[in-house]
C-alpha atoms as a PDB file:
ATOM      1  CA  MET A   1      -2.062   7.092  22.268  1.00  0.00           C
ATOM      2  CA  LEU A   2      -5.289   5.505  23.352  1.00  0.00           C
ATOM      3  CA  SER A   3      -7.223   8.796  23.100  1.00  0.00           C
ATOM      4  CA  ARG A   4      -7.057   8.578  19.101  1.00  0.00           C
ATOM      5  CA  PHE A   5      -8.901   5.242  19.109  1.00  0.00           C
ATOM      6  CA  PRO A   6     -12.449   6.373  19.654  1.00  0.00           C
ATOM      7  CA  GLN A   7     -11.954   8.975  16.859  1.00  0.00           C
ATOM      8  CA  THR A   8     -10.767   6.435  14.194  1.00  0.00           C
ATOM      9  CA  GLY A   9     -13.363   3.975  15.526  1.00  0.00           C
ATOM     10  CA  GLY A  10     -16.125   6.418  14.775  1.00  0.00           C
ATOM     11  CA  ALA A  11     -17.155   6.990  18.286  1.00  0.00           C
ATOM     12  CA  ASN A  12     -17.653  10.398  20.095  1.00  0.00           C
ATOM     13  CA  PRO A  13     -14.202  11.999  20.216  1.00  0.00           C
ATOM     14  CA  ASN A  14     -14.908  13.552  23.537  1.00  0.00           C
ATOM     15  CA  ALA A  15     -15.895  10.303  25.059  1.00  0.00           C
ATOM     16  CA  ARG A  16     -14.093   8.790  28.094  1.00  0.00           C
ATOM     17  CA  PHE A  17     -11.776   6.022  27.083  1.00  0.00           C
ATOM     18  CA  THR A  18     -10.550   3.176  29.333  1.00  0.00           C
ATOM     19  CA  VAL A  19      -8.465   0.072  29.101  1.00  0.00           C
ATOM     20  CA  PRO A  20      -8.418  -2.797  28.324  1.00  0.00           C
ATOM     21  CA  VAL A  21      -9.180  -2.473  24.629  1.00  0.00           C
ATOM     22  CA  LEU A  22      -9.089  -5.144  21.947  1.00  0.00           C
ATOM     23  CA  TRP A  23      -8.080  -3.091  18.770  1.00  0.00           C
ATOM     24  CA  ASP A  24      -8.280  -4.249  15.226  1.00  0.00           C
ATOM     25  CA  LYS A  25      -5.139  -2.831  13.518  1.00  0.00           C
ATOM     26  CA  LYS A  26      -6.458  -3.491   9.986  1.00  0.00           C
ATOM     27  CA  THR A  27      -9.764  -1.837  10.283  1.00  0.00           C
ATOM     28  CA  GLU A  28      -8.601   0.611  12.906  1.00  0.00           C
ATOM     29  CA  THR A  29     -11.631  -0.219  15.050  1.00  0.00           C
ATOM     30  CA  ILE A  30     -12.307  -1.059  18.690  1.00  0.00           C
ATOM     31  CA  VAL A  31     -13.506  -4.644  18.735  1.00  0.00           C
ATOM     32  CA  ASN A  32     -14.288  -4.802  22.406  1.00  0.00           C
ATOM     33  CA  ASN A  33     -13.454  -2.955  25.589  1.00  0.00           C
ATOM     34  CA  GLU A  34     -15.123  -5.117  28.253  1.00  0.00           C
ATOM     35  CA  SER A  35     -12.500  -7.217  30.109  1.00  0.00           C
ATOM     36  CA  SER A  36     -14.675 -10.098  30.899  1.00  0.00           C
ATOM     37  CA  GLU A  37     -15.400 -10.655  27.239  1.00  0.00           C
ATOM     38  CA  ILE A  38     -11.809  -9.894  26.067  1.00  0.00           C
ATOM     39  CA  ILE A  39     -10.530 -12.656  28.322  1.00  0.00           C
ATOM     40  CA  ARG A  40     -12.919 -15.089  26.673  1.00  0.00           C
ATOM     41  CA  ILE A  41     -11.960 -14.007  23.220  1.00  0.00           C
ATOM     42  CA  LEU A  42      -8.197 -14.331  23.871  1.00  0.00           C
ATOM     43  CA  ASN A  43      -8.773 -17.725  25.559  1.00  0.00           C
ATOM     44  CA  SER A  44      -9.356 -19.387  22.115  1.00  0.00           C
ATOM     45  CA  ALA A  45      -9.805 -17.047  19.218  1.00  0.00           C
ATOM     46  CA  PHE A  46      -6.075 -16.991  18.198  1.00  0.00           C
ATOM     47  CA  ASN A  47      -5.107 -20.534  19.078  1.00  0.00           C
ATOM     48  CA  GLU A  48      -4.302 -21.357  15.438  1.00  0.00           C
ATOM     49  CA  PHE A  49      -1.477 -18.805  15.581  1.00  0.00           C
ATOM     50  CA  LEU A  50       0.061 -19.887  18.820  1.00  0.00           C
ATOM     51  CA  PRO A  51       2.602 -22.664  19.840  1.00  0.00           C
ATOM     52  CA  GLU A  52       0.867 -25.895  20.854  1.00  0.00           C
ATOM     53  CA  ASP A  53       1.592 -25.509  24.448  1.00  0.00           C
ATOM     54  CA  LYS A  54       0.050 -22.008  24.612  1.00  0.00           C
ATOM     55  CA  ALA A  55      -2.977 -23.026  22.499  1.00  0.00           C
ATOM     56  CA  ASN A  56      -3.701 -25.932  24.841  1.00  0.00           C
ATOM     57  CA  LEU A  57      -3.986 -23.604  27.705  1.00  0.00           C
ATOM     58  CA  ASP A  58      -7.747 -23.283  28.446  1.00  0.00           C
ATOM     59  CA  LEU A  59      -8.740 -20.951  31.251  1.00  0.00           C
ATOM     60  CA  TYR A  60     -12.441 -21.619  30.682  1.00  0.00           C
ATOM     61  CA  PRO A  61     -12.717 -25.427  30.350  1.00  0.00           C
ATOM     62  CA  GLU A  62     -16.326 -26.551  29.698  1.00  0.00           C
ATOM     63  CA  GLU A  63     -16.520 -28.834  32.702  1.00  0.00           C
ATOM     64  CA  LEU A  64     -15.782 -26.043  35.064  1.00  0.00           C
ATOM     65  CA  ARG A  65     -17.715 -23.249  33.432  1.00  0.00           C
ATOM     66  CA  ALA A  66     -20.609 -23.182  35.775  1.00  0.00           C
ATOM     67  CA  ASP A  67     -18.298 -22.998  38.843  1.00  0.00           C
ATOM     68  CA  ILE A  68     -16.194 -20.262  37.163  1.00  0.00           C
ATOM     69  CA  ASP A  69     -19.244 -18.266  36.253  1.00  0.00           C
ATOM     70  CA  GLY A  70     -20.584 -18.573  39.783  1.00  0.00           C
ATOM     71  CA  THR A  71     -17.460 -17.462  41.340  1.00  0.00           C
ATOM     72  CA  ASN A  72     -16.908 -14.607  38.890  1.00  0.00           C
ATOM     73  CA  GLU A  73     -20.368 -13.292  39.570  1.00  0.00           C
ATOM     74  CA  TRP A  74     -19.886 -12.498  43.336  1.00  0.00           C
ATOM     75  CA  VAL A  75     -16.186 -11.743  43.167  1.00  0.00           C
ATOM     76  CA  PHE A  76     -16.709  -9.063  40.351  1.00  0.00           C
ATOM     77  CA  SER A  77     -19.684  -7.516  42.252  1.00  0.00           C
ATOM     78  CA  THR A  78     -17.980  -7.347  45.675  1.00  0.00           C
ATOM     79  CA  VAL A  79     -14.342  -7.377  45.064  1.00  0.00           C
ATOM     80  CA  ASN A  80     -13.343  -6.246  41.490  1.00  0.00           C
ATOM     81  CA  ALA A  81     -16.120  -3.524  41.412  1.00  0.00           C
ATOM     82  CA  GLY A  82     -16.379  -3.318  45.227  1.00  0.00           C
ATOM     83  CA  VAL A  83     -13.177  -1.527  45.482  1.00  0.00           C
ATOM     84  CA  TYR A  84     -14.481   1.209  43.455  1.00  0.00           C
ATOM     85  CA  LYS A  85     -17.921   1.266  44.879  1.00  0.00           C
ATOM     86  CA  ALA A  86     -16.215   2.120  48.204  1.00  0.00           C
ATOM     87  CA  GLY A  87     -13.473   4.259  46.694  1.00  0.00           C
ATOM     88  CA  PHE A  88     -15.705   6.572  44.714  1.00  0.00           C
ATOM     89  CA  ALA A  89     -18.623   6.700  47.183  1.00  0.00           C
ATOM     90  CA  THR A  90     -19.955  10.079  47.974  1.00  0.00           C
ATOM     91  CA  SER A  91     -21.621   9.399  51.180  1.00  0.00           C
ATOM     92  CA  GLN A  92     -20.859   7.269  54.371  1.00  0.00           C
ATOM     93  CA  SER A  93     -23.679   4.898  53.654  1.00  0.00           C
ATOM     94  CA  SER A  94     -22.670   4.100  50.088  1.00  0.00           C
ATOM     95  CA  TYR A  95     -19.066   3.801  51.146  1.00  0.00           C
ATOM     96  CA  GLU A  96     -19.930   1.195  53.861  1.00  0.00           C
ATOM     97  CA  GLU A  97     -22.162  -0.569  51.304  1.00  0.00           C
ATOM     98  CA  GLY A  98     -19.090  -1.152  49.152  1.00  0.00           C
ATOM     99  CA  VAL A  99     -16.357  -1.701  51.761  1.00  0.00           C
ATOM    100  CA  LYS A 100     -18.222  -4.106  54.049  1.00  0.00           C
ATOM    101  CA  PRO A 101     -19.104  -6.684  51.320  1.00  0.00           C
ATOM    102  CA  LEU A 102     -15.615  -6.325  49.920  1.00  0.00           C
ATOM    103  CA  PHE A 103     -13.974  -7.497  53.083  1.00  0.00           C
ATOM    104  CA  ALA A 104     -16.685 -10.076  53.651  1.00  0.00           C
ATOM    105  CA  SER A 105     -15.793 -11.540  50.265  1.00  0.00           C
ATOM    106  CA  LEU A 106     -11.987 -11.440  51.085  1.00  0.00           C
ATOM    107  CA  ASP A 107     -12.867 -13.520  54.130  1.00  0.00           C
ATOM    108  CA  ARG A 108     -14.810 -15.969  52.022  1.00  0.00           C
ATOM    109  CA  LEU A 109     -11.915 -16.141  49.539  1.00  0.00           C
ATOM    110  CA  GLU A 110      -9.463 -16.787  52.402  1.00  0.00           C
ATOM    111  CA  GLY A 111     -11.474 -19.745  53.282  1.00  0.00           C
ATOM    112  CA  ILE A 112     -11.770 -21.090  49.817  1.00  0.00           C
ATOM    113  CA  LEU A 113      -8.042 -20.896  49.291  1.00  0.00           C
ATOM    114  CA  LYS A 114      -7.018 -22.411  52.586  1.00  0.00           C
ATOM    115  CA  ASP A 115      -4.781 -25.360  51.471  1.00  0.00           C
ATOM    116  CA  LYS A 116      -5.717 -24.835  47.875  1.00  0.00           C
ATOM    117  CA  GLU A 117      -3.756 -23.495  44.925  1.00  0.00           C
ATOM    118  CA  TYR A 118      -6.542 -22.257  42.774  1.00  0.00           C
ATOM    119  CA  LEU A 119     -10.094 -21.008  43.063  1.00  0.00           C
ATOM    120  CA  VAL A 120     -11.897 -23.548  41.013  1.00  0.00           C
ATOM    121  CA  GLY A 121     -11.236 -27.074  39.955  1.00  0.00           C
ATOM    122  CA  GLY A 122      -7.752 -27.408  41.205  1.00  0.00           C
ATOM    123  CA  ARG A 123      -6.249 -25.617  38.186  1.00  0.00           C
ATOM    124  CA  LEU A 124      -5.584 -22.216  36.888  1.00  0.00           C
ATOM    125  CA  THR A 125      -8.744 -20.602  35.341  1.00  0.00           C
ATOM    126  CA  GLU A 126     -10.215 -17.446  34.347  1.00  0.00           C
ATOM    127  CA  ALA A 127     -11.448 -17.020  38.034  1.00  0.00           C
ATOM    128  CA  ASP A 128      -7.939 -16.739  39.195  1.00  0.00           C
ATOM    129  CA  VAL A 129      -6.879 -14.226  36.556  1.00  0.00           C
ATOM    130  CA  ARG A 130      -9.769 -11.991  37.200  1.00  0.00           C
ATOM    131  CA  LEU A 131      -9.252 -11.914  40.990  1.00  0.00           C
ATOM    132  CA  PHE A 132      -5.530 -11.384  40.640  1.00  0.00           C
ATOM    133  CA  THR A 133      -5.898  -8.147  38.780  1.00  0.00           C
ATOM    134  CA  THR A 134      -7.606  -6.588  41.759  1.00  0.00           C
ATOM    135  CA  LEU A 135      -5.575  -8.291  44.574  1.00  0.00           C
ATOM    136  CA  ILE A 136      -2.226  -7.327  43.080  1.00  0.00           C
ATOM    137  CA  ILE A 137      -2.932  -3.642  43.596  1.00  0.00           C
ATOM    138  CA  ALA A 138      -4.690  -4.121  46.907  1.00  0.00           C
ATOM    139  CA  ASP A 139      -1.817  -3.369  49.286  1.00  0.00           C
ATOM    140  CA  ASN A 140      -0.357  -0.686  46.929  1.00  0.00           C
ATOM    141  CA  ILE A 141      -3.439   1.361  46.076  1.00  0.00           C
ATOM    142  CA  VAL A 142      -6.557   0.163  47.953  1.00  0.00           C
ATOM    143  CA  PRO A 143      -5.745   1.346  51.478  1.00  0.00           C
ATOM    144  CA  SER A 144      -5.039   4.869  50.214  1.00  0.00           C
ATOM    145  CA  PRO A 145      -6.949   7.914  51.612  1.00  0.00           C
ATOM    146  CA  GLU A 146      -8.876   8.175  48.359  1.00  0.00           C
ATOM    147  CA  ILE A 147     -10.134   4.508  48.227  1.00  0.00           C
ATOM    148  CA  GLN A 148     -10.110   3.987  51.975  1.00  0.00           C
ATOM    149  CA  CYS A 149     -10.565   0.188  51.921  1.00  0.00           C
ATOM    150  CA  ASN A 150      -8.389  -0.176  54.947  1.00  0.00           C
ATOM    151  CA  ILE A 151     -10.118  -2.799  57.201  1.00  0.00           C
ATOM    152  CA  GLY A 152      -7.204  -5.101  56.502  1.00  0.00           C
ATOM    153  CA  SER A 153      -4.445  -5.797  54.104  1.00  0.00           C
ATOM    154  CA  ILE A 154      -3.710  -8.885  52.118  1.00  0.00           C
ATOM    155  CA  ARG A 155      -0.111  -9.385  53.416  1.00  0.00           C
ATOM    156  CA  HIS A 156      -1.079  -8.976  57.114  1.00  0.00           C
ATOM    157  CA  ASN A 157      -4.664 -10.363  57.381  1.00  0.00           C
ATOM    158  CA  TYR A 158      -5.133 -12.917  54.661  1.00  0.00           C
ATOM    159  CA  PRO A 159      -2.360 -15.466  54.611  1.00  0.00           C
ATOM    160  CA  SER A 160      -4.071 -17.834  52.192  1.00  0.00           C
ATOM    161  CA  LEU A 161      -4.943 -15.185  49.729  1.00  0.00           C
ATOM    162  CA  ASN A 162      -1.345 -13.682  50.095  1.00  0.00           C
ATOM    163  CA  GLN A 163       0.140 -17.111  49.417  1.00  0.00           C
ATOM    164  CA  TRP A 164      -2.119 -17.726  46.307  1.00  0.00           C
ATOM    165  CA  MET A 165      -1.205 -14.298  44.926  1.00  0.00           C
ATOM    166  CA  LYS A 166       2.489 -14.689  45.498  1.00  0.00           C
ATOM    167  CA  ARG A 167       2.463 -18.170  43.971  1.00  0.00           C
ATOM    168  CA  LEU A 168       0.848 -16.814  40.827  1.00  0.00           C
ATOM    169  CA  TYR A 169       3.218 -13.862  40.640  1.00  0.00           C
ATOM    170  CA  TRP A 170       6.529 -15.551  41.304  1.00  0.00           C
ATOM    171  CA  GLY A 171       5.598 -18.873  39.861  1.00  0.00           C
ATOM    172  CA  ASN A 172       4.035 -17.985  36.451  1.00  0.00           C
ATOM    173  CA  PRO A 173       5.867 -15.481  34.336  1.00  0.00           C
ATOM    174  CA  ALA A 174       2.588 -14.374  32.631  1.00  0.00           C
ATOM    175  CA  PHE A 175       1.546 -12.737  35.884  1.00  0.00           C
ATOM    176  CA  LYS A 176       4.772 -11.166  36.923  1.00  0.00           C
ATOM    177  CA  ASP A 177       5.563  -9.866  33.389  1.00  0.00           C
ATOM    178  CA  ALA A 178       2.227  -8.289  33.082  1.00  0.00           C
ATOM    179  CA  THR A 179       2.565  -6.436  36.532  1.00  0.00           C
ATOM    180  CA  ASP A 180       4.254  -3.065  36.657  1.00  0.00           C
ATOM    181  CA  PHE A 181       3.848  -1.651  40.190  1.00  0.00           C
ATOM    182  CA  HIS A 182       5.448   1.731  39.196  1.00  0.00           C
ATOM    183  CA  HIS A 183       2.883   2.119  36.510  1.00  0.00           C
ATOM    184  CA  ILE A 184       0.158   1.015  38.804  1.00  0.00           C
ATOM    185  CA  LYS A 185       1.024   3.543  41.388  1.00  0.00           C
ATOM    186  CA  THR A 186       1.793   6.484  39.170  1.00  0.00           C
ATOM    187  CA  GLY A 187      -1.232   5.845  37.024  1.00  0.00           C
ATOM    188  CA  TYR A 188      -3.496   5.940  40.070  1.00  0.00           C
ATOM    189  CA  TYR A 189      -1.844   8.677  42.159  1.00  0.00           C
ATOM    190  CA  GLY A 190      -1.452  10.884  39.122  1.00  0.00           C
ATOM    191  CA  GLN A 191      -5.132  11.120  38.604  1.00  0.00           C
ATOM    192  CA  LYS A 192      -7.242  14.238  39.488  1.00  0.00           C
ATOM    193  CA  THR A 193      -8.333  12.533  42.777  1.00  0.00           C
ATOM    194  CA  ASN A 194      -4.784  13.157  44.073  1.00  0.00           C
ATOM    195  CA  PRO A 195      -4.000  16.701  43.137  1.00  0.00           C
ATOM    196  CA  THR A 196      -0.569  16.758  44.737  1.00  0.00           C
ATOM    197  CA  GLY A 197       0.572  13.994  42.495  1.00  0.00           C
ATOM    198  CA  ILE A 198       2.697  12.499  45.322  1.00  0.00           C
ATOM    199  CA  VAL A 199       3.283   8.762  44.896  1.00  0.00           C
ATOM    200  CA  PRO A 200       3.717   6.789  48.045  1.00  0.00           C
ATOM    201  CA  VAL A 201       7.011   4.920  48.453  1.00  0.00           C
ATOM    202  CA  GLY A 202       5.537   1.833  50.137  1.00  0.00           C
ATOM    203  CA  PRO A 203       4.840  -0.794  50.645  1.00  0.00           C
ATOM    204  CA  ILE A 204       8.215  -2.227  50.437  1.00  0.00           C
ATOM    205  CA  PRO A 205       8.426  -4.666  48.752  1.00  0.00           C
ATOM    206  CA  PRO A 206       5.223  -4.250  46.588  1.00  0.00           C
ATOM    207  CA  ILE A 207       4.799  -7.893  46.774  1.00  0.00           C
ATOM    208  CA  GLU A 208       6.434 -10.285  49.326  1.00  0.00           C
ATOM    209  CA  PRO A 209       8.827 -13.054  48.201  1.00  0.00           C
ATOM    210  CA  LEU A 210       7.347 -16.506  47.786  1.00  0.00           C
END
């Protein structure tokens, strides 16, 4: 389905395509495919079409923007992208350049979230959403032989991060409804990096109860 989008959008039909994509159904054009920009667009661009309670939800409040941007910067570099820097490294040195900062940042996040519910400002923000998308796959995908980010696991080594993640997943339907562990695992393990196509059964459960 997604493979037809670059063609109708006028781009190279042989180009690699990825999600997320913000698609304009009327003009049949890709509006944006950068997740950090899409989350900002969706934060306010369609408020006029939403129920009041949804329109009032602001994940990027002006008074917290500097703190959110500062957090996003190092979290993206070392955690969101760090997983793949390590996982797709082609040498021992480049692998360690990815995996060591990744777990140093998890240690830092563990300290930040000790006795706190959210990363920034005592409320749900974009910073939480962006971190959640990586941590929710951490124990299911990240320790795999292909990714090899196995210094520790969220559920066993990071109690504050684990509690934060469980609270978002079980306490906010938006997080739970948008998470499909079967899709995550089959999507990843079905790639060319795993020629057998075998999908691991565990961990069980994919996320612990709150």
